[in-house]
Amino acid sequence: MKSKIYIHSLVISVAMLGLFGRGTAQTTENLKPAVERAAISAEKKHRMQSAVVDLNFQWGKDVYLSDMVSRRRPGFKDVMVRKEQKNTFCRGVLTAGNRRVLTPSRCVQAPEGFSLKEVRLSFANGRKGIGTPESVNVNGEVAEVLVSSQLTAGLHGVYLGAVPPGKTLADTFGREILDELLQFFISRGVVSARANRIVGMKNTLQVGDPFFYQGKLVALVREVPSRLPVSFWGGVSEKPLVLLRTQHQNGLFASR
């Protein structure tokens, strides 16, 4: 009797194991596309982040004796007293073709009395480069720094998603993009000083940080807000961003 019960239980167990095995195989098969999509998404995100470049604009000014005295006696000789230097830091993005780094034009606006001496670039591949003032071009609200392909070896520049004149991100890409923009700000601590203190976050947003949508660069951060930017009509505002427009000359921001 016990042997019959044992055999019956064994048959049930084998049957259950077979069902479980088939279920597991089916589940694995169903998960395979999702895993592949996740892998592609992760690869795309890595490529976008590796296109981000740190920029250090170095400005110089020669200070003369005439800048420091209000009255000049006969025979006064104007001589240079000292050199002053200032640095401004921004982020930029390497574009497809690996020859241009885009950044907001406000990053290349010289402080009063200063002129640009050089721009230092740090790439995600660990390489560093130095650009001259002649390598910097301004086109509307966006500036570009021309770089050598030797500096960008192994990196993948991003394609651009251009916004037509007079249109917003939502007009161009749909209202769904505002949900991602909201997450973009919140994930970088752009909420409010009080909220950040409560949750222990910091505002890590920087001028020039890129905003990507569907794998393309569509905007750059022009200014860092102290709290979540809200539009007059409700929802998150695009005001802190420089949108990549199609009207720029020479097809600078032409979409792929």
C-alpha atoms as a PDB file:
ATOM      1  CA  MET A   1       0.000   0.000   0.000  1.00  0.00           C
ATOM      2  CA  LYS A   2       2.786   2.343   0.952  1.00  0.00           C
ATOM      3  CA  SER A   3       4.607   1.526  -2.289  1.00  0.00           C
ATOM      4  CA  LYS A   4       1.486   2.401  -4.317  1.00  0.00           C
ATOM      5  CA  ILE A   5       1.158   5.719  -2.494  1.00  0.00           C
ATOM      6  CA  TYR A   6       4.848   6.432  -3.069  1.00  0.00           C
ATOM      7  CA  ILE A   7       4.603   5.617  -6.797  1.00  0.00           C
ATOM      8  CA  HIS A   8       1.478   7.774  -7.127  1.00  0.00           C
ATOM      9  CA  SER A   9       3.199  10.694  -5.386  1.00  0.00           C
ATOM     10  CA  LEU A  10       6.253  10.256  -7.587  1.00  0.00           C
ATOM     11  CA  VAL A  11       4.127  10.365 -10.729  1.00  0.00           C
ATOM     12  CA  ILE A  12       2.434  13.561  -9.555  1.00  0.00           C
ATOM     13  CA  SER A  13       5.807  15.097  -8.680  1.00  0.00           C
ATOM     14  CA  VAL A  14       7.249  14.248 -12.099  1.00  0.00           C
ATOM     15  CA  ALA A  15       4.169  15.662 -13.782  1.00  0.00           C
ATOM     16  CA  MET A  16       4.378  18.865 -11.743  1.00  0.00           C
ATOM     17  CA  LEU A  17       8.081  19.158 -12.505  1.00  0.00           C
ATOM     18  CA  GLY A  18       7.327  18.780 -16.194  1.00  0.00           C
ATOM     19  CA  LEU A  19       4.712  21.500 -16.033  1.00  0.00           C
ATOM     20  CA  PHE A  20       7.049  23.734 -14.048  1.00  0.00           C
ATOM     21  CA  GLY A  21       9.827  23.129 -16.538  1.00  0.00           C
ATOM     22  CA  ARG A  22       7.598  24.031 -19.483  1.00  0.00           C
ATOM     23  CA  GLY A  23       6.357  27.102 -17.634  1.00  0.00           C
ATOM     24  CA  THR A  24       9.891  28.199 -16.888  1.00  0.00           C
ATOM     25  CA  ALA A  25      10.903  27.711 -20.520  1.00  0.00           C
ATOM     26  CA  GLN A  26       7.899  29.739 -21.670  1.00  0.00           C
ATOM     27  CA  THR A  27       8.613  32.472 -19.118  1.00  0.00           C
ATOM     28  CA  THR A  28      12.260  32.641 -20.178  1.00  0.00           C
ATOM     29  CA  GLU A  29      11.184  32.837 -23.813  1.00  0.00           C
ATOM     30  CA  ASN A  30       8.761  35.644 -22.980  1.00  0.00           C
ATOM     31  CA  LEU A  31      11.422  37.528 -21.033  1.00  0.00           C
ATOM     32  CA  LYS A  32      14.009  37.338 -23.788  1.00  0.00           C
ATOM     33  CA  PRO A  33      12.696  40.325 -25.837  1.00  0.00           C
ATOM     34  CA  ALA A  34      12.401  42.424 -22.665  1.00  0.00           C
ATOM     35  CA  VAL A  35      15.988  41.574 -21.685  1.00  0.00           C
ATOM     36  CA  GLU A  36      17.199  42.462 -25.168  1.00  0.00           C
ATOM     37  CA  ARG A  37      15.318  45.780 -25.070  1.00  0.00           C
ATOM     38  CA  ALA A  38      16.820  46.556 -21.655  1.00  0.00           C
ATOM     39  CA  ALA A  39      20.314  45.777 -22.940  1.00  0.00           C
ATOM     40  CA  ILE A  40      19.826  48.032 -25.985  1.00  0.00           C
ATOM     41  CA  SER A  41      18.454  50.801 -23.765  1.00  0.00           C
ATOM     42  CA  ALA A  42      21.412  50.519 -21.384  1.00  0.00           C
ATOM     43  CA  GLU A  43      23.870  50.617 -24.283  1.00  0.00           C
ATOM     44  CA  LYS A  44      22.162  53.693 -25.732  1.00  0.00           C
ATOM     45  CA  LYS A  45      22.206  55.441 -22.356  1.00  0.00           C
ATOM     46  CA  HIS A  46      25.914  54.640 -21.922  1.00  0.00           C
ATOM     47  CA  ARG A  47      26.694  56.095 -25.329  1.00  0.00           C
ATOM     48  CA  MET A  48      24.765  59.268 -24.570  1.00  0.00           C
ATOM     49  CA  GLN A  49      26.494  59.762 -21.234  1.00  0.00           C
ATOM     50  CA  SER A  50      29.922  59.101 -22.768  1.00  0.00           C
ATOM     51  CA  ALA A  51      29.284  62.029 -25.141  1.00  0.00           C
ATOM     52  CA  VAL A  52      29.202  64.527 -22.233  1.00  0.00           C
ATOM     53  CA  VAL A  53      32.302  66.746 -22.059  1.00  0.00           C
ATOM     54  CA  ASP A  54      33.595  68.944 -19.212  1.00  0.00           C
ATOM     55  CA  LEU A  55      34.626  72.426 -20.384  1.00  0.00           C
ATOM     56  CA  ASN A  56      36.868  74.921 -18.608  1.00  0.00           C
ATOM     57  CA  PHE A  57      36.956  78.358 -20.260  1.00  0.00           C
ATOM     58  CA  GLN A  58      39.985  80.365 -19.167  1.00  0.00           C
ATOM     59  CA  TRP A  59      39.797  84.156 -19.445  1.00  0.00           C
ATOM     60  CA  GLY A  60      42.584  86.705 -19.089  1.00  0.00           C
ATOM     61  CA  LYS A  61      42.895  90.455 -18.627  1.00  0.00           C
ATOM     62  CA  ASP A  62      45.917  92.751 -18.518  1.00  0.00           C
ATOM     63  CA  VAL A  63      45.624  95.390 -15.781  1.00  0.00           C
ATOM     64  CA  TYR A  64      47.472  98.643 -16.490  1.00  0.00           C
ATOM     65  CA  LEU A  65      48.503 101.453 -14.180  1.00  0.00           C
ATOM     66  CA  SER A  66      46.018 103.739 -15.928  1.00  0.00           C
ATOM     67  CA  ASP A  67      43.245 101.455 -14.711  1.00  0.00           C
ATOM     68  CA  MET A  68      44.243 102.155 -11.110  1.00  0.00           C
ATOM     69  CA  VAL A  69      44.843 105.924 -11.019  1.00  0.00           C
ATOM     70  CA  SER A  70      42.335 108.703 -11.623  1.00  0.00           C
ATOM     71  CA  ARG A  71      44.846 111.518 -12.255  1.00  0.00           C
ATOM     72  CA  ARG A  72      47.801 111.346 -14.569  1.00  0.00           C
ATOM     73  CA  ARG A  73      50.663 113.744 -14.047  1.00  0.00           C
ATOM     74  CA  PRO A  74      52.777 115.079 -16.930  1.00  0.00           C
ATOM     75  CA  GLY A  75      55.160 112.407 -18.128  1.00  0.00           C
ATOM     76  CA  PHE A  76      52.901 109.610 -16.914  1.00  0.00           C
ATOM     77  CA  LYS A  77      53.906 106.257 -18.381  1.00  0.00           C
ATOM     78  CA  ASP A  78      51.284 103.587 -18.592  1.00  0.00           C
ATOM     79  CA  VAL A  79      52.643 100.163 -17.769  1.00  0.00           C
ATOM     80  CA  MET A  80      51.047  96.764 -17.201  1.00  0.00           C
ATOM     81  CA  VAL A  81      50.753  96.042 -13.491  1.00  0.00           C
ATOM     82  CA  ARG A  82      49.471  92.473 -13.464  1.00  0.00           C
ATOM     83  CA  LYS A  83      47.537  89.807 -15.283  1.00  0.00           C
ATOM     84  CA  GLU A  84      44.189  88.589 -13.995  1.00  0.00           C
ATOM     85  CA  GLN A  85      42.543  85.267 -14.761  1.00  0.00           C
ATOM     86  CA  LYS A  86      39.055  83.831 -14.396  1.00  0.00           C
ATOM     87  CA  ASN A  87      37.644  80.408 -15.120  1.00  0.00           C
ATOM     88  CA  THR A  88      34.108  79.395 -16.015  1.00  0.00           C
ATOM     89  CA  PHE A  89      32.963  75.784 -16.093  1.00  0.00           C
ATOM     90  CA  CYS A  90      30.274  74.274 -18.281  1.00  0.00           C
ATOM     91  CA  ARG A  91      29.225  70.970 -19.718  1.00  0.00           C
ATOM     92  CA  GLY A  92      29.100  70.217 -23.412  1.00  0.00           C
ATOM     93  CA  VAL A  93      28.053  67.360 -25.686  1.00  0.00           C
ATOM     94  CA  LEU A  94      30.015  65.663 -28.454  1.00  0.00           C
ATOM     95  CA  THR A  95      27.898  65.435 -31.598  1.00  0.00           C
ATOM     96  CA  ALA A  96      27.831  62.788 -34.314  1.00  0.00           C
ATOM     97  CA  GLY A  97      30.986  62.946 -36.397  1.00  0.00           C
ATOM     98  CA  ASN A  98      33.066  63.502 -33.240  1.00  0.00           C
ATOM     99  CA  ARG A  99      34.355  66.908 -34.363  1.00  0.00           C
ATOM    100  CA  ARG A 100      32.104  69.343 -32.478  1.00  0.00           C
ATOM    101  CA  VAL A 101      31.185  69.892 -28.858  1.00  0.00           C
ATOM    102  CA  LEU A 102      28.018  71.934 -28.282  1.00  0.00           C
ATOM    103  CA  THR A 103      27.446  74.105 -25.211  1.00  0.00           C
ATOM    104  CA  PRO A 104      25.205  77.104 -24.394  1.00  0.00           C
ATOM    105  CA  SER A 105      26.583  80.357 -25.829  1.00  0.00           C
ATOM    106  CA  ARG A 106      26.396  81.987 -22.388  1.00  0.00           C
ATOM    107  CA  CYS A 107      29.375  79.788 -21.461  1.00  0.00           C
ATOM    108  CA  VAL A 108      31.561  81.691 -23.928  1.00  0.00           C
ATOM    109  CA  GLN A 109      30.411  85.184 -22.964  1.00  0.00           C
ATOM    110  CA  ALA A 110      33.494  86.983 -21.690  1.00  0.00           C
ATOM    111  CA  PRO A 111      33.434  88.616 -18.239  1.00  0.00           C
ATOM    112  CA  GLU A 112      33.784  92.407 -18.495  1.00  0.00           C
ATOM    113  CA  GLY A 113      37.266  93.390 -19.632  1.00  0.00           C
ATOM    114  CA  PHE A 114      38.391  89.795 -20.133  1.00  0.00           C
ATOM    115  CA  SER A 115      39.115  87.851 -23.302  1.00  0.00           C
ATOM    116  CA  LEU A 116      39.175  84.124 -23.928  1.00  0.00           C
ATOM    117  CA  LYS A 117      42.642  82.610 -23.733  1.00  0.00           C
ATOM    118  CA  GLU A 118      41.852  78.916 -24.110  1.00  0.00           C
ATOM    119  CA  VAL A 119      39.276  76.240 -23.432  1.00  0.00           C
ATOM    120  CA  ARG A 120      40.215  72.962 -21.780  1.00  0.00           C
ATOM    121  CA  LEU A 121      38.139  69.885 -22.582  1.00  0.00           C
ATOM    122  CA  SER A 122      37.900  66.612 -20.646  1.00  0.00           C
ATOM    123  CA  PHE A 123      36.344  63.660 -22.466  1.00  0.00           C
ATOM    124  CA  ALA A 124      34.758  60.471 -21.157  1.00  0.00           C
ATOM    125  CA  ASN A 125      37.600  58.406 -22.652  1.00  0.00           C
ATOM    126  CA  GLY A 126      40.031  60.090 -20.252  1.00  0.00           C
ATOM    127  CA  ARG A 127      41.664  62.305 -22.867  1.00  0.00           C
ATOM    128  CA  LYS A 128      42.099  66.041 -22.407  1.00  0.00           C
ATOM    129  CA  GLY A 129      42.527  68.756 -24.975  1.00  0.00           C
ATOM    130  CA  ILE A 130      43.114  72.494 -25.218  1.00  0.00           C
ATOM    131  CA  GLY A 131      41.264  74.664 -27.717  1.00  0.00           C
ATOM    132  CA  THR A 132      42.119  78.167 -28.894  1.00  0.00           C
ATOM    133  CA  PRO A 133      39.664  81.081 -29.139  1.00  0.00           C
ATOM    134  CA  GLU A 134      39.563  80.419 -32.899  1.00  0.00           C
ATOM    135  CA  SER A 135      38.146  76.944 -32.269  1.00  0.00           C
ATOM    136  CA  VAL A 136      35.023  78.437 -30.657  1.00  0.00           C
ATOM    137  CA  ASN A 137      32.066  79.558 -32.776  1.00  0.00           C
ATOM    138  CA  VAL A 138      28.809  81.067 -31.549  1.00  0.00           C
ATOM    139  CA  ASN A 139      25.551  80.476 -33.381  1.00  0.00           C
ATOM    140  CA  GLY A 140      22.592  82.007 -31.574  1.00  0.00           C
ATOM    141  CA  GLU A 141      22.111  80.473 -28.144  1.00  0.00           C
ATOM    142  CA  VAL A 142      24.473  77.607 -28.858  1.00  0.00           C
ATOM    143  CA  ALA A 143      28.265  77.625 -29.189  1.00  0.00           C
ATOM    144  CA  GLU A 144      30.436  74.916 -30.686  1.00  0.00           C
ATOM    145  CA  VAL A 145      34.020  73.984 -29.940  1.00  0.00           C
ATOM    146  CA  LEU A 146      35.856  72.263 -32.765  1.00  0.00           C
ATOM    147  CA  VAL A 147      37.911  69.293 -31.579  1.00  0.00           C
ATOM    148  CA  SER A 148      40.384  66.837 -33.025  1.00  0.00           C
ATOM    149  CA  SER A 149      39.188  63.324 -33.832  1.00  0.00           C
ATOM    150  CA  GLN A 150      42.282  62.025 -32.011  1.00  0.00           C
ATOM    151  CA  LEU A 151      40.794  63.264 -28.742  1.00  0.00           C
ATOM    152  CA  THR A 152      37.457  61.565 -29.312  1.00  0.00           C
ATOM    153  CA  ALA A 153      38.711  58.116 -30.341  1.00  0.00           C
ATOM    154  CA  GLY A 154      36.397  55.386 -29.072  1.00  0.00           C
ATOM    155  CA  LEU A 155      33.550  57.791 -28.310  1.00  0.00           C
ATOM    156  CA  HIS A 156      30.222  58.040 -30.115  1.00  0.00           C
ATOM    157  CA  GLY A 157      28.834  61.515 -30.664  1.00  0.00           C
ATOM    158  CA  VAL A 158      25.068  61.937 -30.429  1.00  0.00           C
ATOM    159  CA  TYR A 159      22.588  62.920 -33.111  1.00  0.00           C
ATOM    160  CA  LEU A 160      20.418  65.983 -32.658  1.00  0.00           C
ATOM    161  CA  GLY A 161      16.665  66.333 -32.443  1.00  0.00           C
ATOM    162  CA  ALA A 162      15.945  69.806 -33.778  1.00  0.00           C
ATOM    163  CA  VAL A 163      12.963  71.938 -32.776  1.00  0.00           C
ATOM    164  CA  PRO A 164      11.344  74.145 -35.471  1.00  0.00           C
ATOM    165  CA  PRO A 165      11.270  77.935 -34.925  1.00  0.00           C
ATOM    166  CA  GLY A 166       8.502  79.041 -32.593  1.00  0.00           C
ATOM    167  CA  LYS A 167       7.798  75.492 -31.412  1.00  0.00           C
ATOM    168  CA  THR A 168       8.320  73.951 -27.970  1.00  0.00           C
ATOM    169  CA  LEU A 169       9.545  70.505 -27.043  1.00  0.00           C
ATOM    170  CA  ALA A 170       5.956  69.452 -26.412  1.00  0.00           C
ATOM    171  CA  ASP A 171       4.850  70.833 -29.802  1.00  0.00           C
ATOM    172  CA  THR A 172       7.579  68.890 -31.561  1.00  0.00           C
ATOM    173  CA  PHE A 173       7.744  65.600 -29.689  1.00  0.00           C
ATOM    174  CA  GLY A 174       4.401  65.395 -27.879  1.00  0.00           C
ATOM    175  CA  ARG A 175       3.336  65.970 -24.274  1.00  0.00           C
ATOM    176  CA  GLU A 176       5.078  62.769 -23.172  1.00  0.00           C
ATOM    177  CA  ILE A 177       8.428  64.533 -23.338  1.00  0.00           C
ATOM    178  CA  LEU A 178       7.389  66.749 -20.412  1.00  0.00           C
ATOM    179  CA  ASP A 179       7.177  63.693 -18.153  1.00  0.00           C
ATOM    180  CA  GLU A 180      10.807  62.897 -18.977  1.00  0.00           C
ATOM    181  CA  LEU A 181      11.797  66.540 -18.496  1.00  0.00           C
ATOM    182  CA  LEU A 182      10.153  66.491 -15.067  1.00  0.00           C
ATOM    183  CA  GLN A 183      12.124  63.372 -14.150  1.00  0.00           C
ATOM    184  CA  PHE A 184      15.278  64.988 -15.566  1.00  0.00           C
ATOM    185  CA  PHE A 185      15.003  67.894 -13.116  1.00  0.00           C
ATOM    186  CA  ILE A 186      13.888  65.858 -10.097  1.00  0.00           C
ATOM    187  CA  SER A 187      16.630  63.245 -10.495  1.00  0.00           C
ATOM    188  CA  ARG A 188      19.202  66.057 -10.291  1.00  0.00           C
ATOM    189  CA  GLY A 189      17.762  67.571  -7.150  1.00  0.00           C
ATOM    190  CA  VAL A 190      15.955  70.485  -8.798  1.00  0.00           C
ATOM    191  CA  VAL A 191      12.950  70.557  -6.476  1.00  0.00           C
ATOM    192  CA  SER A 192      13.361  73.179  -3.746  1.00  0.00           C
ATOM    193  CA  ALA A 193      15.894  73.940  -1.029  1.00  0.00           C
ATOM    194  CA  ARG A 194      13.471  72.785   1.679  1.00  0.00           C
ATOM    195  CA  ALA A 195      12.595  69.537  -0.072  1.00  0.00           C
ATOM    196  CA  ASN A 196      16.268  68.802  -0.707  1.00  0.00           C
ATOM    197  CA  ARG A 197      17.066  69.283   2.990  1.00  0.00           C
ATOM    198  CA  ILE A 198      14.283  66.896   3.974  1.00  0.00           C
ATOM    199  CA  VAL A 199      15.379  64.082   1.651  1.00  0.00           C
ATOM    200  CA  GLY A 200      19.103  64.846   1.840  1.00  0.00           C
ATOM    201  CA  MET A 201      19.540  65.634  -1.876  1.00  0.00           C
ATOM    202  CA  LYS A 202      21.657  68.254  -3.603  1.00  0.00           C
ATOM    203  CA  ASN A 203      21.053  70.209  -6.763  1.00  0.00           C
ATOM    204  CA  THR A 204      23.616  68.640  -9.118  1.00  0.00           C
ATOM    205  CA  LEU A 205      22.427  70.264 -12.347  1.00  0.00           C
ATOM    206  CA  GLN A 206      25.091  72.191 -14.298  1.00  0.00           C
ATOM    207  CA  VAL A 207      24.984  74.673 -17.141  1.00  0.00           C
ATOM    208  CA  GLY A 208      25.412  72.754 -20.383  1.00  0.00           C
ATOM    209  CA  ASP A 209      23.989  69.471 -19.082  1.00  0.00           C
ATOM    210  CA  PRO A 210      22.235  67.685 -21.953  1.00  0.00           C
ATOM    211  CA  PHE A 211      18.611  66.669 -22.138  1.00  0.00           C
ATOM    212  CA  PHE A 212      18.173  63.617 -24.363  1.00  0.00           C
ATOM    213  CA  TYR A 213      14.930  62.310 -25.783  1.00  0.00           C
ATOM    214  CA  GLN A 214      14.557  59.111 -27.795  1.00  0.00           C
ATOM    215  CA  GLY A 215      18.316  58.837 -28.066  1.00  0.00           C
ATOM    216  CA  LYS A 216      18.863  62.350 -29.443  1.00  0.00           C
ATOM    217  CA  LEU A 217      20.081  65.595 -27.933  1.00  0.00           C
ATOM    218  CA  VAL A 218      17.188  68.067 -27.961  1.00  0.00           C
ATOM    219  CA  ALA A 219      18.276  70.707 -25.425  1.00  0.00           C
ATOM    220  CA  LEU A 220      21.044  71.994 -23.168  1.00  0.00           C
ATOM    221  CA  VAL A 221      20.678  73.523 -19.715  1.00  0.00           C
ATOM    222  CA  ARG A 222      21.055  77.299 -20.022  1.00  0.00           C
ATOM    223  CA  GLU A 223      20.582  78.158 -16.348  1.00  0.00           C
ATOM    224  CA  VAL A 224      20.296  76.146 -13.151  1.00  0.00           C
ATOM    225  CA  PRO A 225      16.997  76.857 -11.346  1.00  0.00           C
ATOM    226  CA  SER A 226      16.923  76.674  -7.552  1.00  0.00           C
ATOM    227  CA  ARG A 227      13.509  74.989  -7.582  1.00  0.00           C
ATOM    228  CA  LEU A 228      11.427  72.952  -9.984  1.00  0.00           C
ATOM    229  CA  PRO A 229      10.538  75.241 -12.913  1.00  0.00           C
ATOM    230  CA  VAL A 230       6.801  75.417 -13.478  1.00  0.00           C
ATOM    231  CA  SER A 231       5.202  76.978 -16.543  1.00  0.00           C
ATOM    232  CA  PHE A 232       2.422  79.572 -16.450  1.00  0.00           C
ATOM    233  CA  TRP A 233       0.009  76.962 -17.808  1.00  0.00           C
ATOM    234  CA  GLY A 234       1.037  74.350 -15.284  1.00  0.00           C
ATOM    235  CA  GLY A 235       3.470  71.489 -15.625  1.00  0.00           C
ATOM    236  CA  VAL A 236       7.233  71.671 -15.953  1.00  0.00           C
ATOM    237  CA  SER A 237       8.729  74.638 -17.801  1.00  0.00           C
ATOM    238  CA  GLU A 238      11.246  74.502 -20.671  1.00  0.00           C
ATOM    239  CA  LYS A 239      12.557  77.986 -19.824  1.00  0.00           C
ATOM    240  CA  PRO A 240      15.879  76.853 -18.251  1.00  0.00           C
ATOM    241  CA  LEU A 241      16.793  75.069 -21.494  1.00  0.00           C
ATOM    242  CA  VAL A 242      18.363  76.046 -24.796  1.00  0.00           C
ATOM    243  CA  LEU A 243      16.441  74.178 -27.484  1.00  0.00           C
ATOM    244  CA  LEU A 244      18.294  73.049 -30.600  1.00  0.00           C
ATOM    245  CA  ARG A 245      16.625  74.998 -33.381  1.00  0.00           C
ATOM    246  CA  THR A 246      16.535  74.266 -37.111  1.00  0.00           C
ATOM    247  CA  GLN A 247      17.049  77.866 -38.213  1.00  0.00           C
ATOM    248  CA  HIS A 248      20.740  77.950 -37.293  1.00  0.00           C
ATOM    249  CA  GLN A 249      22.990  78.553 -40.255  1.00  0.00           C
ATOM    250  CA  ASN A 250      25.087  75.948 -42.082  1.00  0.00           C
ATOM    251  CA  GLY A 251      22.745  73.176 -40.965  1.00  0.00           C
ATOM    252  CA  LEU A 252      24.465  73.208 -37.579  1.00  0.00           C
ATOM    253  CA  PHE A 253      21.580  71.580 -35.814  1.00  0.00           C
ATOM    254  CA  ALA A 254      20.031  69.568 -38.574  1.00  0.00           C
ATOM    255  CA  SER A 255      18.281  66.450 -37.310  1.00  0.00           C
ATOM    256  CA  ARG A 256      19.396  63.050 -38.568  1.00  0.00           C
END
